[in-house]
Amino acid sequence: MHIAVIALGKIGLPLAVQFADSGHDVIGVDLNPQTVDLVNAGKEPFPGEAFLQEKLSALVPERLRATTDYAEAIPNADVVVVVVPLFVDDATWEPDFTWMDAATRSLAEHLTPGTLVSYETTLPVGTTRGRWKPMLETGSGLKEGKDFHLVFSPERVLTGRVFEDLRKYPKLIGGLSADGCRIGREFYEAVLQFDERPELGRPNGVWDLGTAEASEMAKLAETTYRDVNIGLANQFGLFAAEQGIDVYQVIEACNSQPYSHIHRPGIAVGGHCIPVYPRLYLATDPNADIVRTARLLNASMPERLVKQAEGVLGTLKGQRAVVLGASYRGGVKETAFSGVFPTVDALRDLGAIVSVQDPLYSDKELRRLGFDPYVTGDEVDLAILQTDHADYRDLMPSQLPGIKLLVDGRNTTDADRWAGTPRIVVGTGSVPMSAKA
């Protein structure tokens, strides 16, 4: 098959590589000339994706190449896969389709008969049928279901382990017609390989959910569940801290039987998915009060923990604070919706002098993100651990001279190493009595 992949980001490029590695001819479209040049040189544009570099080296240029030109990639393609980002307005929580609309119009302009179009970007329910179908038909002059077919098949992978996840999880699809579903299923069966998963109850592979709407909702539901679950864990953690209870003991006890799957509390929920997709769900189900409440609670956690620190120290005005971790999760060099931003803002709002440290980021990179880098050995009054990097598991007070309080927002540090130093752990609220203001 001749396959075009639109947008060669941290999901799109591994997908293009996967398709090429399965024996097909793939051309990727990206508006960033630097990304295109790197791909065509067989070099990964971003670090951290397992096996990406070695696969690029083997596949470029025989099976895989890239371009900035839709006219070069789209005409006569058997399949076009769209992985363009969808943003959400922080103020209104409404989806911002600007980039996706532009990509869809460019795709439509060059669409030719016989093509399958598959959207993998997570979408509000009804978008494939109600937005992309008319836009593609108007721009191409072709008829969906007759001249081309349209399906929605959400990506279900984490950056850093995309190729592993593509094998592990069923590939969900949903079309606008029976023929579209069949063609979509045949495509993904030809480009993906699956691990055996006997615990699933049905064979791992391509799962046809029957409609684009069902497939759209499945992706939103599985991610929104995680946000709501974390919100519940945070609610339990806040209460447990007030009562002097270790919420992690409680969660371990609850999850010892098969009907409880409580997640862990934490200072922030970050990344491209969990903080965003509940808002996409709310865009079409505004009555989902439980979803909204959980999202608001999770978003409030950085400010809540900063306020706890202020309660211990008495004031944060003029206090030297370091936020440990810019990444949204440990071991990943990515700051999308990272808790570092609201944590730094909350500290600055209360008058603290704030710096940031992250083992994955250089001082120059931290400055580009708007942060003052922490200089190793400088004295600090307060440290807030925001990212659960492995490096922080062995953190000791001696590494932060003068520290008066550690706020561990991920329950990452070792209590024995911090004996005698005031320490708040999210979900426990443990602080020596002598440290309280």
Protein backbone atom coordinates (compact mmCIF):
# COMPACT_ATOMS: atom_id res chain seq x y z
CA MET A 1 0.00 0.00 0.00
CA HIS A 2 0.90 3.65 -0.44
CA ILE A 3 0.21 5.36 2.89
CA ALA A 4 0.38 9.05 3.81
CA VAL A 5 0.67 10.14 7.46
CA ILE A 6 -0.16 13.76 8.23
CA ALA A 7 1.87 15.25 11.12
CA LEU A 8 5.16 13.62 12.12
CA GLY A 9 5.06 14.32 15.84
CA LYS A 10 5.68 11.98 18.75
CA ILE A 11 2.79 9.76 17.68
CA GLY A 12 2.63 10.36 13.93
CA LEU A 13 6.26 9.55 13.16
CA PRO A 14 6.31 6.24 15.08
CA LEU A 15 3.06 5.32 13.31
CA ALA A 16 4.61 6.09 9.92
CA VAL A 17 7.61 3.97 10.88
CA GLN A 18 5.35 1.13 12.01
CA PHE A 19 3.49 1.14 8.69
CA ALA A 20 6.75 1.18 6.72
CA ASP A 21 8.23 -1.54 8.90
CA SER A 22 5.22 -3.70 8.01
CA GLY A 23 6.24 -3.58 4.34
CA HIS A 24 4.36 -0.59 2.96
CA ASP A 25 5.49 2.61 1.21
CA VAL A 26 4.94 5.59 3.50
CA ILE A 27 5.27 9.33 3.02
CA GLY A 28 4.87 11.66 5.96
CA VAL A 29 3.60 15.23 5.74
CA ASP A 30 4.74 17.85 8.21
CA LEU A 31 4.80 21.64 7.96
CA ASN A 32 8.09 21.86 9.89
CA PRO A 33 10.94 21.75 7.33
CA GLN A 34 13.44 20.79 10.03
CA THR A 35 11.39 17.73 10.97
CA VAL A 36 11.11 16.74 7.32
CA ASP A 37 14.85 17.16 6.73
CA LEU A 38 15.73 15.08 9.79
CA VAL A 39 13.35 12.27 8.81
CA ASN A 40 14.72 12.22 5.27
CA ALA A 41 18.22 12.03 6.73
CA GLY A 42 17.13 9.03 8.81
CA LYS A 43 17.54 10.90 12.11
CA GLU A 44 14.95 11.04 14.88
CA PRO A 45 13.65 14.60 15.41
CA PHE A 46 13.05 14.03 19.13
CA PRO A 47 14.75 11.80 21.71
CA GLY A 48 13.26 9.18 23.97
CA GLU A 49 11.18 6.93 21.70
CA ALA A 50 12.39 3.35 22.06
CA PHE A 51 13.58 1.76 18.78
CA LEU A 52 12.68 4.81 16.69
CA GLN A 53 16.22 5.67 15.60
CA GLU A 54 17.17 2.14 14.60
CA LYS A 55 13.96 1.70 12.63
CA LEU A 56 14.42 5.04 10.86
CA SER A 57 17.94 4.04 9.90
CA ALA A 58 16.64 0.82 8.35
CA LEU A 59 13.60 2.27 6.55
CA VAL A 60 14.74 5.64 5.14
CA PRO A 61 14.65 6.20 2.20
CA GLU A 62 13.56 2.84 0.76
CA ARG A 63 10.23 2.63 2.60
CA LEU A 64 9.78 5.98 4.33
CA ARG A 65 10.26 9.62 3.37
CA ALA A 66 8.81 12.98 4.36
CA THR A 67 7.61 16.17 2.69
CA THR A 68 6.01 19.51 3.50
CA ASP A 69 3.85 19.28 0.36
CA TYR A 70 0.36 17.76 0.52
CA ALA A 71 0.29 17.65 -3.29
CA GLU A 72 3.21 15.24 -3.21
CA ALA A 73 1.80 12.92 -0.58
CA ILE A 74 -1.99 12.73 -0.84
CA PRO A 75 -2.97 12.04 -4.49
CA ASN A 76 -3.41 8.33 -5.22
CA ALA A 77 -2.63 7.26 -1.65
CA ASP A 78 -4.43 4.10 -0.61
CA VAL A 79 -4.70 5.37 2.95
CA VAL A 80 -4.24 8.75 4.66
CA VAL A 81 -3.79 8.74 8.44
CA VAL A 82 -4.26 12.07 10.25
CA VAL A 83 -2.50 12.66 13.59
CA VAL A 84 -2.61 16.47 13.75
CA PRO A 85 -2.85 17.93 17.30
CA LEU A 86 -6.16 19.19 18.64
CA PHE A 87 -5.92 21.89 21.27
CA VAL A 88 -8.30 22.98 24.01
CA ASP A 89 -8.81 26.58 25.07
CA ASP A 90 -7.65 26.92 28.68
CA ALA A 91 -10.28 29.55 29.51
CA THR A 92 -13.38 28.12 27.81
CA TRP A 93 -12.44 24.40 27.68
CA GLU A 94 -13.68 24.43 24.09
CA PRO A 95 -11.75 22.46 21.43
CA ASP A 96 -9.61 24.53 19.09
CA PHE A 97 -9.73 22.90 15.66
CA THR A 98 -7.49 25.46 13.93
CA TRP A 99 -4.65 23.10 13.04
CA MET A 100 -6.90 20.15 12.26
CA ASP A 101 -9.21 22.21 10.06
CA ALA A 102 -6.23 23.51 8.07
CA ALA A 103 -4.84 19.99 7.63
CA THR A 104 -8.25 18.60 6.62
CA ARG A 105 -8.75 21.33 4.00
CA SER A 106 -5.30 20.65 2.55
CA LEU A 107 -6.03 16.93 2.55
CA ALA A 108 -9.40 17.45 0.85
CA GLU A 109 -7.84 19.61 -1.86
CA HIS A 110 -5.66 16.69 -2.99
CA LEU A 111 -7.88 13.72 -2.11
CA THR A 112 -8.40 11.22 -4.94
CA PRO A 113 -10.98 8.43 -5.34
CA GLY A 114 -10.39 5.11 -3.64
CA THR A 115 -8.67 6.48 -0.55
CA LEU A 116 -9.33 5.48 3.06
CA VAL A 117 -8.98 8.43 5.48
CA SER A 118 -8.40 7.58 9.13
CA TYR A 119 -8.29 10.15 11.92
CA GLU A 120 -6.28 9.07 14.98
CA THR A 121 -6.33 12.36 16.89
CA THR A 122 -8.65 12.15 19.91
CA LEU A 123 -11.91 13.97 19.09
CA PRO A 124 -15.21 15.01 20.67
CA VAL A 125 -17.97 12.54 19.90
CA GLY A 126 -19.54 13.26 16.51
CA THR A 127 -16.59 15.13 14.99
CA THR A 128 -15.69 12.56 12.34
CA ARG A 129 -19.22 12.46 10.92
CA GLY A 130 -20.29 16.02 11.62
CA ARG A 131 -17.11 17.96 10.84
CA TRP A 132 -14.59 15.98 8.82
CA LYS A 133 -17.01 14.26 6.43
CA PRO A 134 -18.61 17.49 5.09
CA MET A 135 -15.26 19.27 5.04
CA LEU A 136 -13.62 16.49 3.03
CA GLU A 137 -16.58 16.21 0.65
CA THR A 138 -16.77 19.95 0.04
CA GLY A 139 -13.05 20.34 -0.49
CA SER A 140 -12.61 17.33 -2.76
CA GLY A 141 -15.91 17.14 -4.64
CA LEU A 142 -15.98 13.44 -3.74
CA LYS A 143 -18.67 11.50 -1.89
CA GLU A 144 -17.86 9.67 1.35
CA GLY A 145 -18.98 6.05 1.27
CA LYS A 146 -18.76 6.02 -2.52
CA ASP A 147 -15.55 7.73 -3.66
CA PHE A 148 -13.63 7.50 -0.39
CA HIS A 149 -14.14 6.07 3.10
CA LEU A 150 -13.70 7.72 6.47
CA VAL A 151 -13.00 6.07 9.83
CA PHE A 152 -11.94 7.09 13.31
CA SER A 153 -9.27 4.99 15.02
CA PRO A 154 -7.85 6.57 18.17
CA GLU A 155 -4.19 6.26 19.09
CA ARG A 156 -3.85 4.44 22.43
CA VAL A 157 -0.12 4.67 23.07
CA LEU A 158 2.28 6.47 25.39
CA THR A 159 5.29 8.34 24.08
CA GLY A 160 8.49 6.48 24.79
CA ARG A 161 6.89 3.07 24.23
CA VAL A 162 4.73 3.52 21.12
CA PHE A 163 5.86 0.36 19.33
CA GLU A 164 5.30 -1.75 22.46
CA ASP A 165 1.83 -0.29 23.00
CA LEU A 166 0.82 -0.80 19.36
CA ARG A 167 1.31 -4.53 19.90
CA LYS A 168 -0.22 -4.65 23.36
CA TYR A 169 -3.57 -2.89 23.01
CA PRO A 170 -6.47 -3.63 20.65
CA LYS A 171 -6.76 -1.18 17.77
CA LEU A 172 -10.21 0.40 17.92
CA ILE A 173 -11.95 1.53 14.74
CA GLY A 174 -15.33 2.93 13.80
CA GLY A 175 -16.55 4.00 10.38
CA LEU A 176 -19.44 5.83 8.79
CA SER A 177 -20.55 2.78 6.80
CA ALA A 178 -20.18 -0.99 6.83
CA ASP A 179 -17.77 -0.83 3.88
CA GLY A 180 -15.72 1.84 5.64
CA CYS A 181 -15.46 -0.30 8.75
CA ARG A 182 -14.39 -3.32 6.71
CA ILE A 183 -11.74 -1.40 4.76
CA GLY A 184 -10.47 0.26 7.93
CA ARG A 185 -10.20 -3.08 9.68
CA GLU A 186 -8.32 -4.62 6.72
CA PHE A 187 -5.89 -1.69 6.67
CA TYR A 188 -4.94 -1.87 10.33
CA GLU A 189 -4.69 -5.66 10.19
CA ALA A 190 -2.13 -5.19 7.40
CA VAL A 191 0.05 -2.68 9.28
CA LEU A 192 -0.09 -3.83 12.91
CA GLN A 193 0.96 -6.97 14.75
CA PHE A 194 -0.51 -7.89 18.12
CA ASP A 195 0.61 -9.69 21.27
CA GLU A 196 -1.56 -12.50 22.54
CA ARG A 197 -3.79 -11.28 25.38
CA PRO A 198 -5.85 -14.25 26.62
CA GLU A 199 -7.14 -12.19 29.56
CA LEU A 200 -9.09 -9.89 27.21
CA GLY A 201 -11.90 -12.36 26.54
CA ARG A 202 -11.68 -11.81 22.78
CA PRO A 203 -8.64 -11.97 20.50
CA ASN A 204 -6.30 -9.01 20.60
CA GLY A 205 -6.29 -7.21 17.26
CA VAL A 206 -8.47 -4.73 15.40
CA TRP A 207 -11.77 -4.21 17.18
CA ASP A 208 -14.54 -2.73 15.05
CA LEU A 209 -16.93 -0.77 17.29
CA GLY A 210 -19.41 -0.26 14.46
CA THR A 211 -19.56 3.53 14.34
CA ALA A 212 -17.15 6.43 14.45
CA GLU A 213 -19.06 7.80 17.43
CA ALA A 214 -18.50 4.65 19.49
CA SER A 215 -14.80 4.71 18.68
CA GLU A 216 -14.57 8.43 19.55
CA MET A 217 -16.30 7.86 22.87
CA ALA A 218 -14.16 4.83 23.75
CA LYS A 219 -10.98 6.90 23.65
CA LEU A 220 -12.51 9.73 25.65
CA ALA A 221 -14.01 7.34 28.19
CA GLU A 222 -10.84 5.39 28.91
CA THR A 223 -8.85 8.58 29.49
CA THR A 224 -11.55 10.47 31.37
CA TYR A 225 -11.86 7.46 33.69
CA ARG A 226 -8.22 7.97 34.69
CA ASP A 227 -8.71 11.67 35.41
CA VAL A 228 -11.82 11.00 37.50
CA ASN A 229 -10.06 8.17 39.33
CA ILE A 230 -7.06 10.39 40.13
CA GLY A 231 -9.49 13.11 41.25
CA LEU A 232 -11.06 10.62 43.66
CA ALA A 233 -7.61 9.60 44.91
CA ASN A 234 -6.74 13.26 45.44
CA GLN A 235 -9.98 13.80 47.34
CA PHE A 236 -9.20 10.82 49.57
CA GLY A 237 -5.64 12.10 49.98
CA LEU A 238 -6.73 15.57 51.08
CA PHE A 239 -9.11 14.10 53.64
CA ALA A 240 -6.59 11.52 54.85
CA ALA A 241 -3.98 14.23 55.40
CA GLU A 242 -6.42 16.18 57.59
CA GLN A 243 -7.13 13.04 59.63
CA GLY A 244 -3.52 11.95 60.01
CA ILE A 245 -4.11 8.87 57.86
CA ASP A 246 -1.63 7.50 55.30
CA VAL A 247 -3.77 7.31 52.17
CA TYR A 248 -1.30 5.00 50.43
CA GLN A 249 -1.91 2.33 53.08
CA VAL A 250 -5.63 2.79 52.55
CA ILE A 251 -5.34 2.53 48.76
CA GLU A 252 -3.16 -0.58 48.99
CA ALA A 253 -5.72 -2.17 51.28
CA CYS A 254 -8.64 -1.27 49.01
CA ASN A 255 -6.91 -2.52 45.87
CA SER A 256 -6.17 -5.91 47.48
CA GLN A 257 -9.54 -7.12 46.21
CA PRO A 258 -10.54 -7.14 42.53
CA TYR A 259 -13.31 -4.54 42.63
CA SER A 260 -11.19 -1.56 43.63
CA HIS A 261 -8.70 0.13 41.31
CA ILE A 262 -7.97 3.42 43.06
CA HIS A 263 -5.11 5.37 41.47
CA ARG A 264 -2.53 7.42 43.36
CA PRO A 265 -2.89 11.06 44.43
CA GLY A 266 -0.41 13.61 43.12
CA ILE A 267 0.45 17.26 42.73
CA ALA A 268 -0.58 17.39 39.07
CA VAL A 269 -2.04 15.48 36.14
CA GLY A 270 -0.05 16.34 33.02
CA GLY A 271 0.63 15.22 29.49
CA HIS A 272 -1.20 15.54 26.19
CA CYS A 273 -4.05 13.22 27.20
CA ILE A 274 -5.43 13.06 30.73
CA PRO A 275 -5.81 16.82 31.39
CA VAL A 276 -7.23 17.45 27.90
CA TYR A 277 -9.61 14.66 26.94
CA PRO A 278 -12.08 15.13 29.81
CA ARG A 279 -12.59 18.64 28.47
CA LEU A 280 -13.22 17.23 25.00
CA TYR A 281 -15.79 14.91 26.55
CA LEU A 282 -17.44 17.84 28.31
CA ALA A 283 -17.65 19.67 24.97
CA THR A 284 -20.42 17.25 23.94
CA ASP A 285 -21.72 16.19 27.36
CA PRO A 286 -21.90 19.41 29.41
CA ASN A 287 -24.01 17.68 32.08
CA ALA A 288 -21.14 15.40 33.13
CA ASP A 289 -20.73 17.02 36.54
CA ILE A 290 -18.52 14.27 37.96
CA VAL A 291 -16.03 14.77 35.10
CA ARG A 292 -15.94 18.54 35.59
CA THR A 293 -15.51 18.26 39.36
CA ALA A 294 -12.61 15.82 39.05
CA ARG A 295 -10.86 17.96 36.44
CA LEU A 296 -11.18 21.08 38.59
CA LEU A 297 -9.92 19.27 41.68
CA ASN A 298 -6.90 17.85 39.87
CA ALA A 299 -6.10 21.26 38.41
CA SER A 300 -6.22 22.79 41.90
CA MET A 301 -3.64 20.46 43.46
CA PRO A 302 -0.49 22.54 42.80
CA GLU A 303 -2.02 25.60 44.47
CA ARG A 304 -3.33 23.49 47.37
CA LEU A 305 0.11 22.05 48.11
CA VAL A 306 1.77 25.46 47.82
CA LYS A 307 -0.78 26.76 50.34
CA GLN A 308 0.10 23.87 52.65
CA ALA A 309 3.74 24.89 52.41
CA GLU A 310 2.80 28.48 53.26
CA GLY A 311 0.89 27.20 56.29
CA VAL A 312 4.01 25.46 57.58
CA LEU A 313 6.52 28.21 56.85
CA GLY A 314 4.21 31.07 57.81
CA THR A 315 4.92 33.04 54.66
CA LEU A 316 6.50 32.38 51.28
CA LYS A 317 7.37 36.00 50.60
CA GLY A 318 11.09 36.20 49.88
CA GLN A 319 11.53 32.46 50.48
CA ARG A 320 13.85 30.63 48.08
CA ALA A 321 11.85 27.80 46.48
CA VAL A 322 13.01 25.16 44.01
CA VAL A 323 10.57 23.05 42.01
CA LEU A 324 12.05 19.62 41.30
CA GLY A 325 10.96 18.42 37.91
CA ALA A 326 9.75 20.21 34.81
CA SER A 327 8.52 17.09 32.99
CA TYR A 328 4.91 16.07 33.43
CA ARG A 329 5.94 12.53 34.44
CA GLY A 330 9.10 10.78 35.48
CA GLY A 331 11.58 9.65 32.86
CA VAL A 332 9.92 11.58 30.03
CA LYS A 333 11.28 14.81 28.57
CA GLU A 334 7.95 16.49 27.91
CA THR A 335 6.27 19.46 29.58
CA ALA A 336 2.80 19.31 27.99
CA PHE A 337 0.36 20.49 30.68
CA SER A 338 3.05 19.79 33.26
CA GLY A 339 2.33 20.69 36.86
CA VAL A 340 5.54 22.72 36.91
CA PHE A 341 3.73 25.70 35.37
CA PRO A 342 0.90 26.12 37.93
CA THR A 343 3.29 25.22 40.77
CA VAL A 344 5.74 27.96 39.79
CA ASP A 345 2.87 30.42 39.28
CA ALA A 346 1.40 29.65 42.71
CA LEU A 347 4.79 30.12 44.40
CA ARG A 348 5.44 33.40 42.60
CA ASP A 349 1.96 34.68 43.44
CA LEU A 350 2.82 34.27 47.13
CA GLY A 351 6.12 36.10 46.76
CA ALA A 352 8.58 33.21 46.61
CA ILE A 353 11.82 33.41 44.63
CA VAL A 354 11.47 30.37 42.38
CA SER A 355 13.93 28.21 40.47
CA VAL A 356 13.45 24.87 38.68
CA GLN A 357 15.66 21.80 38.41
CA ASP A 358 15.19 18.78 36.13
CA PRO A 359 17.83 16.13 35.29
CA LEU A 360 16.48 15.86 31.72
CA TYR A 361 16.68 19.58 30.93
CA SER A 362 19.67 21.86 30.51
CA ASP A 363 19.71 25.32 32.06
CA LYS A 364 19.22 26.78 28.59
CA GLU A 365 16.13 24.64 28.00
CA LEU A 366 14.67 25.61 31.38
CA ARG A 367 15.16 29.30 30.58
CA ARG A 368 13.32 28.78 27.27
CA LEU A 369 10.40 27.46 29.30
CA GLY A 370 10.41 30.67 31.35
CA PHE A 371 12.16 29.32 34.45
CA ASP A 372 15.25 30.31 36.40
CA PRO A 373 17.43 27.16 36.66
CA TYR A 374 18.42 26.02 40.13
CA VAL A 375 22.18 26.18 40.68
CA THR A 376 23.37 23.05 42.47
CA GLY A 377 24.57 23.91 45.95
CA ASP A 378 22.58 27.12 46.27
CA GLU A 379 20.68 27.49 49.52
CA VAL A 380 16.91 27.00 49.46
CA ASP A 381 14.12 27.33 51.99
CA LEU A 382 11.50 25.18 50.26
CA ALA A 383 11.57 22.37 47.69
CA ILE A 384 8.50 21.03 45.92
CA LEU A 385 8.95 17.70 44.15
CA GLN A 386 6.73 17.88 41.08
CA THR A 387 8.04 15.04 38.88
CA ASP A 388 8.71 11.47 39.98
CA HIS A 389 12.08 11.15 38.24
CA ALA A 390 14.12 8.17 39.43
CA ASP A 391 16.92 10.60 40.35
CA TYR A 392 14.78 12.02 43.15
CA ARG A 393 14.24 8.71 44.97
CA ASP A 394 17.59 9.10 46.73
CA LEU A 395 17.27 12.84 47.32
CA MET A 396 18.67 14.01 50.67
CA PRO A 397 18.48 17.30 52.60
CA SER A 398 22.23 17.80 52.16
CA GLN A 399 21.65 18.24 48.42
CA LEU A 400 19.45 21.27 49.16
CA PRO A 401 21.44 23.35 51.66
CA GLY A 402 19.36 25.25 54.20
CA ILE A 403 16.09 23.54 53.34
CA LYS A 404 13.30 24.16 55.83
CA LEU A 405 10.55 22.12 54.16
CA LEU A 406 10.15 19.50 51.43
CA VAL A 407 6.78 19.07 49.74
CA ASP A 408 6.83 15.69 48.02
CA GLY A 409 4.01 15.87 45.50
CA ARG A 410 4.59 12.34 44.19
CA ASN A 411 5.47 10.29 47.31
CA THR A 412 8.86 9.65 45.72
CA THR A 413 11.42 10.48 48.42
CA ASP A 414 12.64 8.18 51.18
CA ALA A 415 11.25 9.09 54.61
CA ASP A 416 14.36 7.77 56.39
CA ARG A 417 16.62 10.10 54.43
CA TRP A 418 14.47 13.05 55.50
CA ALA A 419 14.21 12.22 59.17
CA GLY A 420 14.44 15.46 61.15
CA THR A 421 13.53 17.67 58.17
CA PRO A 422 9.94 18.90 57.80
CA ARG A 423 8.31 17.02 54.93
CA ILE A 424 4.81 17.09 53.47
CA VAL A 425 3.85 14.09 51.35
CA VAL A 426 0.74 14.43 49.22
CA GLY A 427 -1.91 12.19 50.75
CA THR A 428 -0.35 12.03 54.21
CA GLY A 429 0.33 15.63 55.24
CA SER A 430 3.14 14.47 57.53
CA VAL A 431 5.06 17.38 59.07
CA PRO A 432 6.95 17.27 62.40
CA MET A 433 5.04 19.29 65.01
CA SER A 434 8.09 21.45 65.67
CA ALA A 435 8.02 22.62 62.04
CA LYS A 436 4.51 24.04 62.13
CA ALA A 437 4.15 27.80 62.19
